[in-house]
């Protein structure tokens, strides 16, 4: 009875812990939603102005007399609404990451907590930096290219919904691409790889960057290249920071420890193995034969 009561008590504790985690997760999600709604309500009054600003890289290169068009019946309302909502999520990103950190932090070790804070801060900064790079560098070049290749007999009047889809895709693609240094440092920090091994795979990373650029950007060489090249540069920066993060000689010591451990294990296995002589082998066979006959 005592063991049964202890098991029931431990099961209740596990259940209470699981429920408390769910309640905490719910509370943090509600806080995130509340903050996004507050930011959205503050920005919605300026929704049309925000869309006009975001459309600037395209509008400034349109031929004289040309404007963007709204094909859908409710596009003039829904498109600025969608843009404002997405930007509200982007603006709330530091708070969202803080809530994620608050939920995960109790399960981390002290050294992991020290590492997580600068990683979260750097991730937020790099994501915003990627969006800024897309808006101020990529958009003008890409949309100027699209307009320049339009046939003379065609009136270039892009739809505001199609433009927003391309813009949001590029914002997200460049925001995520600029997280490459963080991913590189984390791979080294967790012991998955080393800076030297990453440097050896540089050619594969460059190829992968151009493949990612091809998949995440419109089908033009300019945006693909402008995404791939920063990813490559950021990968190199990540390797530099990863080397600075690892204490000097730590990798060599770790490699030597693993080699010594493996060598000691092999020596132990060899020392424990003692070959049988002919007499011992004969006795062993007789024993096995006797056991088989007894079974019959």
C-alpha atoms as a PDB file:
ATOM      1  CA  UNK A   1       0.000   0.000   0.000  1.00  0.00           C
ATOM      2  CA  UNK A   2       2.858   2.332   0.762  1.00  0.00           C
ATOM      3  CA  UNK A   3       4.427   1.850  -2.667  1.00  0.00           C
ATOM      4  CA  UNK A   4       1.044   2.347  -4.372  1.00  0.00           C
ATOM      5  CA  UNK A   5       0.419   5.577  -2.495  1.00  0.00           C
ATOM      6  CA  UNK A   6       3.893   6.844  -3.369  1.00  0.00           C
ATOM      7  CA  UNK A   7       3.332   6.062  -7.042  1.00  0.00           C
ATOM      8  CA  UNK A   8      -0.037   7.830  -6.990  1.00  0.00           C
ATOM      9  CA  UNK A   9       1.507  10.842  -5.290  1.00  0.00           C
ATOM     10  CA  UNK A  10       4.352  11.041  -7.847  1.00  0.00           C
ATOM     11  CA  UNK A  11       1.845  10.716 -10.710  1.00  0.00           C
ATOM     12  CA  UNK A  12      -0.204  13.568  -9.254  1.00  0.00           C
ATOM     13  CA  UNK A  13       2.931  15.714  -9.004  1.00  0.00           C
ATOM     14  CA  UNK A  14       3.808  15.031 -12.640  1.00  0.00           C
ATOM     15  CA  UNK A  15       0.257  15.842 -13.705  1.00  0.00           C
ATOM     16  CA  UNK A  16       0.261  19.072 -11.692  1.00  0.00           C
ATOM     17  CA  UNK A  17       3.605  20.073 -13.201  1.00  0.00           C
ATOM     18  CA  UNK A  18       2.328  19.404 -16.714  1.00  0.00           C
ATOM     19  CA  UNK A  19      -0.863  21.385 -16.092  1.00  0.00           C
ATOM     20  CA  UNK A  20       1.088  24.284 -14.567  1.00  0.00           C
ATOM     21  CA  UNK A  21       3.307  24.406 -17.652  1.00  0.00           C
ATOM     22  CA  UNK A  22       0.258  24.466 -19.902  1.00  0.00           C
ATOM     23  CA  UNK A  23      -1.246  27.285 -17.859  1.00  0.00           C
ATOM     24  CA  UNK A  24       1.979  29.263 -18.045  1.00  0.00           C
ATOM     25  CA  UNK A  25       2.175  28.698 -21.801  1.00  0.00           C
ATOM     26  CA  UNK A  26      -1.417  29.884 -22.172  1.00  0.00           C
ATOM     27  CA  UNK A  27      -0.714  33.022 -20.135  1.00  0.00           C
ATOM     28  CA  UNK A  28       2.342  33.887 -22.201  1.00  0.00           C
ATOM     29  CA  UNK A  29       0.496  33.318 -25.485  1.00  0.00           C
ATOM     30  CA  UNK A  30      -2.311  35.589 -24.284  1.00  0.00           C
ATOM     31  CA  UNK A  31       0.245  38.270 -23.407  1.00  0.00           C
ATOM     32  CA  UNK A  32       1.780  38.008 -26.870  1.00  0.00           C
ATOM     33  CA  UNK A  33      -1.626  38.269 -28.556  1.00  0.00           C
ATOM     34  CA  UNK A  34      -2.555  41.235 -26.355  1.00  0.00           C
ATOM     35  CA  UNK A  35       0.648  43.117 -27.189  1.00  0.00           C
ATOM     36  CA  UNK A  36       0.228  42.445 -30.927  1.00  0.00           C
ATOM     37  CA  UNK A  37      -3.359  43.709 -30.781  1.00  0.00           C
ATOM     38  CA  UNK A  38      -2.307  46.866 -28.905  1.00  0.00           C
ATOM     39  CA  UNK A  39       0.428  47.604 -31.468  1.00  0.00           C
ATOM     40  CA  UNK A  40      -1.997  46.867 -34.312  1.00  0.00           C
ATOM     41  CA  UNK A  41      -4.624  49.255 -32.918  1.00  0.00           C
ATOM     42  CA  UNK A  42      -1.974  51.946 -32.614  1.00  0.00           C
ATOM     43  CA  UNK A  43      -0.827  51.469 -36.223  1.00  0.00           C
ATOM     44  CA  UNK A  44      -4.116  50.787 -37.988  1.00  0.00           C
ATOM     45  CA  UNK A  45      -5.022  54.466 -38.233  1.00  0.00           C
ATOM     46  CA  UNK A  46      -1.864  54.911 -40.333  1.00  0.00           C
ATOM     47  CA  UNK A  47      -2.407  51.737 -42.398  1.00  0.00           C
ATOM     48  CA  UNK A  48      -2.689  53.543 -45.734  1.00  0.00           C
ATOM     49  CA  UNK A  49       0.376  55.676 -44.984  1.00  0.00           C
ATOM     50  CA  UNK A  50       2.304  52.560 -44.013  1.00  0.00           C
ATOM     51  CA  UNK A  51       1.390  50.845 -47.268  1.00  0.00           C
ATOM     52  CA  UNK A  52       2.364  53.955 -49.241  1.00  0.00           C
ATOM     53  CA  UNK A  53       5.753  53.936 -47.509  1.00  0.00           C
ATOM     54  CA  UNK A  54       6.306  50.225 -48.125  1.00  0.00           C
ATOM     55  CA  UNK A  55       5.299  50.664 -51.782  1.00  0.00           C
ATOM     56  CA  UNK A  56       7.818  53.471 -52.201  1.00  0.00           C
ATOM     57  CA  UNK A  57      10.589  51.383 -53.829  1.00  0.00           C
ATOM     58  CA  UNK A  58       8.152  50.364 -56.584  1.00  0.00           C
ATOM     59  CA  UNK A  59       6.156  53.595 -56.911  1.00  0.00           C
ATOM     60  CA  UNK A  60       9.307  55.670 -57.359  1.00  0.00           C
ATOM     61  CA  UNK A  61      10.288  53.629 -60.437  1.00  0.00           C
ATOM     62  CA  UNK A  62       6.894  53.425 -62.142  1.00  0.00           C
ATOM     63  CA  UNK A  63       6.634  55.118 -65.545  1.00  0.00           C
ATOM     64  CA  UNK A  64       5.147  58.576 -65.535  1.00  0.00           C
ATOM     65  CA  UNK A  65       1.379  58.408 -65.336  1.00  0.00           C
ATOM     66  CA  UNK A  66       1.322  54.791 -64.088  1.00  0.00           C
ATOM     67  CA  UNK A  67      -0.005  53.784 -60.679  1.00  0.00           C
ATOM     68  CA  UNK A  68      -0.633  50.611 -58.742  1.00  0.00           C
ATOM     69  CA  UNK A  69      -4.127  49.077 -58.997  1.00  0.00           C
ATOM     70  CA  UNK A  70      -6.465  47.200 -56.670  1.00  0.00           C
ATOM     71  CA  UNK A  71      -8.122  44.276 -58.450  1.00  0.00           C
ATOM     72  CA  UNK A  72     -10.149  42.879 -55.530  1.00  0.00           C
ATOM     73  CA  UNK A  73     -13.346  44.569 -54.361  1.00  0.00           C
ATOM     74  CA  UNK A  74     -12.120  44.917 -50.764  1.00  0.00           C
ATOM     75  CA  UNK A  75      -8.395  45.097 -51.551  1.00  0.00           C
ATOM     76  CA  UNK A  76      -8.127  48.771 -50.624  1.00  0.00           C
ATOM     77  CA  UNK A  77      -9.083  47.808 -47.059  1.00  0.00           C
ATOM     78  CA  UNK A  78      -7.776  44.257 -46.664  1.00  0.00           C
ATOM     79  CA  UNK A  79      -4.278  44.791 -48.082  1.00  0.00           C
ATOM     80  CA  UNK A  80      -3.293  47.678 -45.740  1.00  0.00           C
ATOM     81  CA  UNK A  81      -4.979  45.723 -42.917  1.00  0.00           C
ATOM     82  CA  UNK A  82      -2.847  42.658 -43.655  1.00  0.00           C
ATOM     83  CA  UNK A  83       0.339  44.687 -43.897  1.00  0.00           C
ATOM     84  CA  UNK A  84      -0.335  46.459 -40.600  1.00  0.00           C
ATOM     85  CA  UNK A  85      -1.064  43.170 -38.838  1.00  0.00           C
ATOM     86  CA  UNK A  86       2.155  41.554 -40.073  1.00  0.00           C
ATOM     87  CA  UNK A  87       4.193  44.614 -39.140  1.00  0.00           C
ATOM     88  CA  UNK A  88       2.601  44.514 -35.672  1.00  0.00           C
ATOM     89  CA  UNK A  89       3.930  40.977 -35.243  1.00  0.00           C
ATOM     90  CA  UNK A  90       7.367  42.087 -36.455  1.00  0.00           C
ATOM     91  CA  UNK A  91       7.319  45.058 -34.069  1.00  0.00           C
ATOM     92  CA  UNK A  92       6.342  42.815 -31.154  1.00  0.00           C
ATOM     93  CA  UNK A  93       9.179  40.383 -31.893  1.00  0.00           C
ATOM     94  CA  UNK A  94      11.367  41.453 -28.924  1.00  0.00           C
ATOM     95  CA  UNK A  95       8.447  40.904 -26.549  1.00  0.00           C
ATOM     96  CA  UNK A  96       7.597  37.576 -28.228  1.00  0.00           C
ATOM     97  CA  UNK A  97      11.173  36.364 -27.843  1.00  0.00           C
ATOM     98  CA  UNK A  98      11.188  37.551 -24.232  1.00  0.00           C
ATOM     99  CA  UNK A  99       8.072  35.468 -23.489  1.00  0.00           C
ATOM    100  CA  UNK A 100       9.629  32.433 -25.164  1.00  0.00           C
ATOM    101  CA  UNK A 101      12.757  32.990 -23.105  1.00  0.00           C
ATOM    102  CA  UNK A 102      10.725  33.284 -19.886  1.00  0.00           C
ATOM    103  CA  UNK A 103       9.008  29.974 -20.609  1.00  0.00           C
ATOM    104  CA  UNK A 104      12.179  28.057 -21.520  1.00  0.00           C
ATOM    105  CA  UNK A 105      14.657  29.621 -19.071  1.00  0.00           C
ATOM    106  CA  UNK A 106      13.724  27.588 -15.951  1.00  0.00           C
ATOM    107  CA  UNK A 107      14.778  24.404 -17.740  1.00  0.00           C
ATOM    108  CA  UNK A 108      18.208  25.718 -18.746  1.00  0.00           C
ATOM    109  CA  UNK A 109      21.536  25.557 -16.948  1.00  0.00           C
ATOM    110  CA  UNK A 110      23.159  28.739 -15.726  1.00  0.00           C
ATOM    111  CA  UNK A 111      25.743  28.875 -18.528  1.00  0.00           C
ATOM    112  CA  UNK A 112      22.971  28.267 -21.068  1.00  0.00           C
ATOM    113  CA  UNK A 113      20.998  31.195 -19.655  1.00  0.00           C
ATOM    114  CA  UNK A 114      24.019  33.465 -19.999  1.00  0.00           C
ATOM    115  CA  UNK A 115      24.376  32.423 -23.635  1.00  0.00           C
ATOM    116  CA  UNK A 116      20.666  32.692 -24.449  1.00  0.00           C
ATOM    117  CA  UNK A 117      20.280  36.389 -23.603  1.00  0.00           C
ATOM    118  CA  UNK A 118      22.844  37.720 -26.128  1.00  0.00           C
ATOM    119  CA  UNK A 119      21.624  35.167 -28.693  1.00  0.00           C
ATOM    120  CA  UNK A 120      18.043  36.457 -28.421  1.00  0.00           C
ATOM    121  CA  UNK A 121      19.171  40.071 -28.608  1.00  0.00           C
ATOM    122  CA  UNK A 122      21.404  39.408 -31.602  1.00  0.00           C
ATOM    123  CA  UNK A 123      18.671  37.397 -33.341  1.00  0.00           C
ATOM    124  CA  UNK A 124      16.208  40.274 -33.045  1.00  0.00           C
ATOM    125  CA  UNK A 125      18.730  42.820 -34.292  1.00  0.00           C
ATOM    126  CA  UNK A 126      19.777  40.675 -37.245  1.00  0.00           C
ATOM    127  CA  UNK A 127      16.167  39.998 -38.241  1.00  0.00           C
ATOM    128  CA  UNK A 128      15.420  43.732 -38.344  1.00  0.00           C
ATOM    129  CA  UNK A 129      18.696  44.345 -40.149  1.00  0.00           C
ATOM    130  CA  UNK A 130      17.703  41.809 -42.820  1.00  0.00           C
ATOM    131  CA  UNK A 131      14.359  43.547 -43.333  1.00  0.00           C
ATOM    132  CA  UNK A 132      16.073  46.926 -43.621  1.00  0.00           C
ATOM    133  CA  UNK A 133      18.570  45.525 -46.128  1.00  0.00           C
ATOM    134  CA  UNK A 134      15.707  44.134 -48.200  1.00  0.00           C
ATOM    135  CA  UNK A 135      13.801  47.422 -48.217  1.00  0.00           C
ATOM    136  CA  UNK A 136      16.640  49.868 -48.835  1.00  0.00           C
ATOM    137  CA  UNK A 137      18.945  47.772 -51.044  1.00  0.00           C
ATOM    138  CA  UNK A 138      17.061  44.886 -52.637  1.00  0.00           C
ATOM    139  CA  UNK A 139      13.656  46.400 -53.398  1.00  0.00           C
ATOM    140  CA  UNK A 140      14.883  49.366 -55.488  1.00  0.00           C
ATOM    141  CA  UNK A 141      17.134  47.158 -57.618  1.00  0.00           C
ATOM    142  CA  UNK A 142      14.604  44.355 -58.103  1.00  0.00           C
ATOM    143  CA  UNK A 143      11.609  46.527 -58.956  1.00  0.00           C
ATOM    144  CA  UNK A 144      13.655  48.747 -61.244  1.00  0.00           C
ATOM    145  CA  UNK A 145      14.730  45.597 -63.069  1.00  0.00           C
ATOM    146  CA  UNK A 146      11.127  44.367 -63.390  1.00  0.00           C
ATOM    147  CA  UNK A 147      10.011  47.698 -64.849  1.00  0.00           C
ATOM    148  CA  UNK A 148      12.973  47.945 -67.237  1.00  0.00           C
ATOM    149  CA  UNK A 149      12.263  44.563 -68.866  1.00  0.00           C
ATOM    150  CA  UNK A 150       8.551  45.269 -69.446  1.00  0.00           C
ATOM    151  CA  UNK A 151       7.671  45.367 -73.188  1.00  0.00           C
ATOM    152  CA  UNK A 152       6.901  48.800 -74.595  1.00  0.00           C
ATOM    153  CA  UNK A 153       3.384  47.781 -75.602  1.00  0.00           C
ATOM    154  CA  UNK A 154       2.549  46.790 -72.003  1.00  0.00           C
ATOM    155  CA  UNK A 155       1.306  49.245 -69.396  1.00  0.00           C
ATOM    156  CA  UNK A 156       2.939  48.274 -66.129  1.00  0.00           C
ATOM    157  CA  UNK A 157       0.266  48.594 -63.416  1.00  0.00           C
ATOM    158  CA  UNK A 158       1.063  46.123 -60.613  1.00  0.00           C
ATOM    159  CA  UNK A 159      -1.647  44.935 -58.217  1.00  0.00           C
ATOM    160  CA  UNK A 160      -1.277  46.042 -54.597  1.00  0.00           C
ATOM    161  CA  UNK A 161      -2.023  42.509 -53.331  1.00  0.00           C
ATOM    162  CA  UNK A 162       0.630  40.854 -55.501  1.00  0.00           C
ATOM    163  CA  UNK A 163       3.133  43.508 -54.490  1.00  0.00           C
ATOM    164  CA  UNK A 164       2.450  42.909 -50.792  1.00  0.00           C
ATOM    165  CA  UNK A 165       2.905  39.156 -51.188  1.00  0.00           C
ATOM    166  CA  UNK A 166       6.330  39.664 -52.786  1.00  0.00           C
ATOM    167  CA  UNK A 167       7.331  42.239 -50.179  1.00  0.00           C
ATOM    168  CA  UNK A 168       6.375  40.069 -47.202  1.00  0.00           C
ATOM    169  CA  UNK A 169       8.140  37.069 -48.733  1.00  0.00           C
ATOM    170  CA  UNK A 170      11.335  39.078 -49.185  1.00  0.00           C
ATOM    171  CA  UNK A 171      11.078  40.593 -45.708  1.00  0.00           C
ATOM    172  CA  UNK A 172      10.803  37.137 -44.176  1.00  0.00           C
ATOM    173  CA  UNK A 173      13.487  35.620 -46.432  1.00  0.00           C
ATOM    174  CA  UNK A 174      16.079  38.276 -45.661  1.00  0.00           C
ATOM    175  CA  UNK A 175      15.146  38.395 -41.971  1.00  0.00           C
ATOM    176  CA  UNK A 176      15.723  34.652 -41.638  1.00  0.00           C
ATOM    177  CA  UNK A 177      18.817  34.692 -43.877  1.00  0.00           C
ATOM    178  CA  UNK A 178      20.480  37.233 -41.606  1.00  0.00           C
ATOM    179  CA  UNK A 179      20.203  34.710 -38.748  1.00  0.00           C
ATOM    180  CA  UNK A 180      22.999  32.631 -40.278  1.00  0.00           C
ATOM    181  CA  UNK A 181      25.667  33.841 -37.795  1.00  0.00           C
ATOM    182  CA  UNK A 182      23.422  32.846 -34.877  1.00  0.00           C
ATOM    183  CA  UNK A 183      22.865  29.382 -36.351  1.00  0.00           C
ATOM    184  CA  UNK A 184      26.611  28.988 -36.922  1.00  0.00           C
ATOM    185  CA  UNK A 185      27.497  29.948 -33.357  1.00  0.00           C
ATOM    186  CA  UNK A 186      24.820  27.660 -31.928  1.00  0.00           C
ATOM    187  CA  UNK A 187      26.080  24.689 -33.952  1.00  0.00           C
ATOM    188  CA  UNK A 188      29.550  25.188 -32.524  1.00  0.00           C
ATOM    189  CA  UNK A 189      28.279  25.985 -29.023  1.00  0.00           C
ATOM    190  CA  UNK A 190      26.266  22.753 -28.816  1.00  0.00           C
ATOM    191  CA  UNK A 191      29.250  20.705 -29.965  1.00  0.00           C
ATOM    192  CA  UNK A 192      27.590  19.617 -33.217  1.00  0.00           C
ATOM    193  CA  UNK A 193      30.539  20.792 -35.274  1.00  0.00           C
ATOM    194  CA  UNK A 194      33.653  22.986 -35.132  1.00  0.00           C
ATOM    195  CA  UNK A 195      34.664  26.200 -36.932  1.00  0.00           C
ATOM    196  CA  UNK A 196      37.295  24.277 -38.872  1.00  0.00           C
ATOM    197  CA  UNK A 197      34.782  21.733 -40.148  1.00  0.00           C
ATOM    198  CA  UNK A 198      32.385  24.519 -41.132  1.00  0.00           C
ATOM    199  CA  UNK A 199      35.175  26.267 -43.024  1.00  0.00           C
ATOM    200  CA  UNK A 200      35.911  23.054 -44.916  1.00  0.00           C
ATOM    201  CA  UNK A 201      32.277  22.947 -46.097  1.00  0.00           C
ATOM    202  CA  UNK A 202      32.371  26.531 -47.409  1.00  0.00           C
ATOM    203  CA  UNK A 203      31.752  25.483 -51.015  1.00  0.00           C
ATOM    204  CA  UNK A 204      28.601  23.577 -50.028  1.00  0.00           C
ATOM    205  CA  UNK A 205      27.367  26.563 -48.024  1.00  0.00           C
ATOM    206  CA  UNK A 206      27.825  28.895 -51.003  1.00  0.00           C
ATOM    207  CA  UNK A 207      25.917  26.501 -53.240  1.00  0.00           C
ATOM    208  CA  UNK A 208      23.190  26.135 -50.621  1.00  0.00           C
ATOM    209  CA  UNK A 209      22.926  29.932 -50.274  1.00  0.00           C
ATOM    210  CA  UNK A 210      22.206  30.307 -53.985  1.00  0.00           C
ATOM    211  CA  UNK A 211      19.677  27.464 -53.849  1.00  0.00           C
ATOM    212  CA  UNK A 212      17.903  29.151 -50.924  1.00  0.00           C
ATOM    213  CA  UNK A 213      17.992  32.447 -52.813  1.00  0.00           C
ATOM    214  CA  UNK A 214      16.418  30.745 -55.794  1.00  0.00           C
ATOM    215  CA  UNK A 215      13.611  29.256 -53.680  1.00  0.00           C
ATOM    216  CA  UNK A 216      12.767  32.254 -51.483  1.00  0.00           C
ATOM    217  CA  UNK A 217      12.981  35.137 -53.936  1.00  0.00           C
ATOM    218  CA  UNK A 218      11.214  36.093 -57.160  1.00  0.00           C
ATOM    219  CA  UNK A 219      12.579  34.459 -60.318  1.00  0.00           C
ATOM    220  CA  UNK A 220      15.254  37.041 -61.068  1.00  0.00           C
ATOM    221  CA  UNK A 221      19.001  36.837 -60.738  1.00  0.00           C
ATOM    222  CA  UNK A 222      19.284  40.130 -58.846  1.00  0.00           C
ATOM    223  CA  UNK A 223      17.248  39.221 -55.770  1.00  0.00           C
ATOM    224  CA  UNK A 224      18.699  35.701 -55.731  1.00  0.00           C
ATOM    225  CA  UNK A 225      22.244  37.039 -55.741  1.00  0.00           C
ATOM    226  CA  UNK A 226      21.459  39.764 -53.202  1.00  0.00           C
ATOM    227  CA  UNK A 227      20.161  37.095 -50.827  1.00  0.00           C
ATOM    228  CA  UNK A 228      22.897  34.518 -51.438  1.00  0.00           C
ATOM    229  CA  UNK A 229      25.870  36.873 -51.059  1.00  0.00           C
ATOM    230  CA  UNK A 230      24.857  38.244 -47.623  1.00  0.00           C
ATOM    231  CA  UNK A 231      24.209  34.685 -46.443  1.00  0.00           C
ATOM    232  CA  UNK A 232      27.739  33.731 -47.461  1.00  0.00           C
ATOM    233  CA  UNK A 233      29.252  36.810 -45.779  1.00  0.00           C
ATOM    234  CA  UNK A 234      27.198  36.231 -42.641  1.00  0.00           C
ATOM    235  CA  UNK A 235      28.329  32.603 -42.607  1.00  0.00           C
ATOM    236  CA  UNK A 236      31.946  33.766 -42.573  1.00  0.00           C
ATOM    237  CA  UNK A 237      31.133  36.222 -39.776  1.00  0.00           C
ATOM    238  CA  UNK A 238      29.501  33.399 -37.847  1.00  0.00           C
ATOM    239  CA  UNK A 239      32.658  31.292 -38.144  1.00  0.00           C
ATOM    240  CA  UNK A 240      34.730  34.201 -36.792  1.00  0.00           C
ATOM    241  CA  UNK A 241      32.446  34.673 -33.787  1.00  0.00           C
ATOM    242  CA  UNK A 242      32.350  30.914 -33.209  1.00  0.00           C
ATOM    243  CA  UNK A 243      36.141  30.831 -33.053  1.00  0.00           C
ATOM    244  CA  UNK A 244      36.153  33.738 -30.632  1.00  0.00           C
ATOM    245  CA  UNK A 245      33.557  32.051 -28.459  1.00  0.00           C
ATOM    246  CA  UNK A 246      35.446  28.782 -28.011  1.00  0.00           C
ATOM    247  CA  UNK A 247      38.286  29.167 -25.496  1.00  0.00           C
ATOM    248  CA  UNK A 248      41.714  28.712 -27.008  1.00  0.00           C
ATOM    249  CA  UNK A 249      42.809  25.100 -26.890  1.00  0.00           C
ATOM    250  CA  UNK A 250      39.391  23.817 -25.804  1.00  0.00           C
ATOM    251  CA  UNK A 251      38.729  22.048 -29.071  1.00  0.00           C
ATOM    252  CA  UNK A 252      42.164  20.399 -29.035  1.00  0.00           C
ATOM    253  CA  UNK A 253      41.678  19.285 -25.444  1.00  0.00           C
ATOM    254  CA  UNK A 254      38.250  17.865 -26.243  1.00  0.00           C
ATOM    255  CA  UNK A 255      39.619  15.946 -29.227  1.00  0.00           C
ATOM    256  CA  UNK A 256      42.501  14.562 -27.176  1.00  0.00           C
ATOM    257  CA  UNK A 257      40.141  13.494 -24.393  1.00  0.00           C
ATOM    258  CA  UNK A 258      37.933  11.612 -26.837  1.00  0.00           C
ATOM    259  CA  UNK A 259      40.974   9.943 -28.417  1.00  0.00           C
ATOM    260  CA  UNK A 260      42.363   8.943 -25.033  1.00  0.00           C
ATOM    261  CA  UNK A 261      38.987   7.649 -23.903  1.00  0.00           C
ATOM    262  CA  UNK A 262      38.638   5.534 -27.025  1.00  0.00           C
ATOM    263  CA  UNK A 263      42.190   4.224 -26.692  1.00  0.00           C
ATOM    264  CA  UNK A 264      41.646   3.307 -23.043  1.00  0.00           C
ATOM    265  CA  UNK A 265      38.415   1.509 -23.925  1.00  0.00           C
ATOM    266  CA  UNK A 266      40.124  -0.523 -26.645  1.00  0.00           C
ATOM    267  CA  UNK A 267      42.984  -1.415 -24.313  1.00  0.00           C
ATOM    268  CA  UNK A 268      40.489  -2.501 -21.665  1.00  0.00           C
ATOM    269  CA  UNK A 269      38.688  -4.750 -24.122  1.00  0.00           C
ATOM    270  CA  UNK A 270      41.951  -6.294 -25.290  1.00  0.00           C
ATOM    271  CA  UNK A 271      43.215  -6.827 -21.756  1.00  0.00           C
ATOM    272  CA  UNK A 272      39.956  -8.481 -20.689  1.00  0.00           C
ATOM    273  CA  UNK A 273      40.091 -10.955 -23.555  1.00  0.00           C
ATOM    274  CA  UNK A 274      42.048 -14.119 -22.772  1.00  0.00           C
ATOM    275  CA  UNK A 275      42.180 -16.828 -25.486  1.00  0.00           C
ATOM    276  CA  UNK A 276      41.423 -20.466 -24.443  1.00  0.00           C
ATOM    277  CA  UNK A 277      43.929 -23.263 -24.846  1.00  0.00           C
ATOM    278  CA  UNK A 278      43.046 -26.656 -26.381  1.00  0.00           C
ATOM    279  CA  UNK A 279      42.148 -28.286 -23.079  1.00  0.00           C
ATOM    280  CA  UNK A 280      39.802 -25.445 -22.089  1.00  0.00           C
ATOM    281  CA  UNK A 281      38.141 -25.527 -25.484  1.00  0.00           C
ATOM    282  CA  UNK A 282      37.564 -29.299 -25.204  1.00  0.00           C
ATOM    283  CA  UNK A 283      35.982 -28.874 -21.761  1.00  0.00           C
ATOM    284  CA  UNK A 284      33.730 -26.113 -23.039  1.00  0.00           C
ATOM    285  CA  UNK A 285      32.534 -28.206 -25.987  1.00  0.00           C
ATOM    286  CA  UNK A 286      31.877 -31.161 -23.659  1.00  0.00           C
ATOM    287  CA  UNK A 287      29.843 -28.934 -21.371  1.00  0.00           C
ATOM    288  CA  UNK A 288      27.731 -27.617 -24.249  1.00  0.00           C
ATOM    289  CA  UNK A 289      27.223 -31.155 -25.606  1.00  0.00           C
ATOM    290  CA  UNK A 290      26.103 -32.384 -22.172  1.00  0.00           C
ATOM    291  CA  UNK A 291      23.592 -29.548 -21.824  1.00  0.00           C
ATOM    292  CA  UNK A 292      22.111 -30.299 -25.240  1.00  0.00           C
ATOM    293  CA  UNK A 293      21.712 -34.013 -24.390  1.00  0.00           C
ATOM    294  CA  UNK A 294      20.037 -33.155 -21.111  1.00  0.00           C
ATOM    295  CA  UNK A 295      17.563 -30.954 -22.966  1.00  0.00           C
ATOM    296  CA  UNK A 296      16.714 -33.845 -25.307  1.00  0.00           C
END
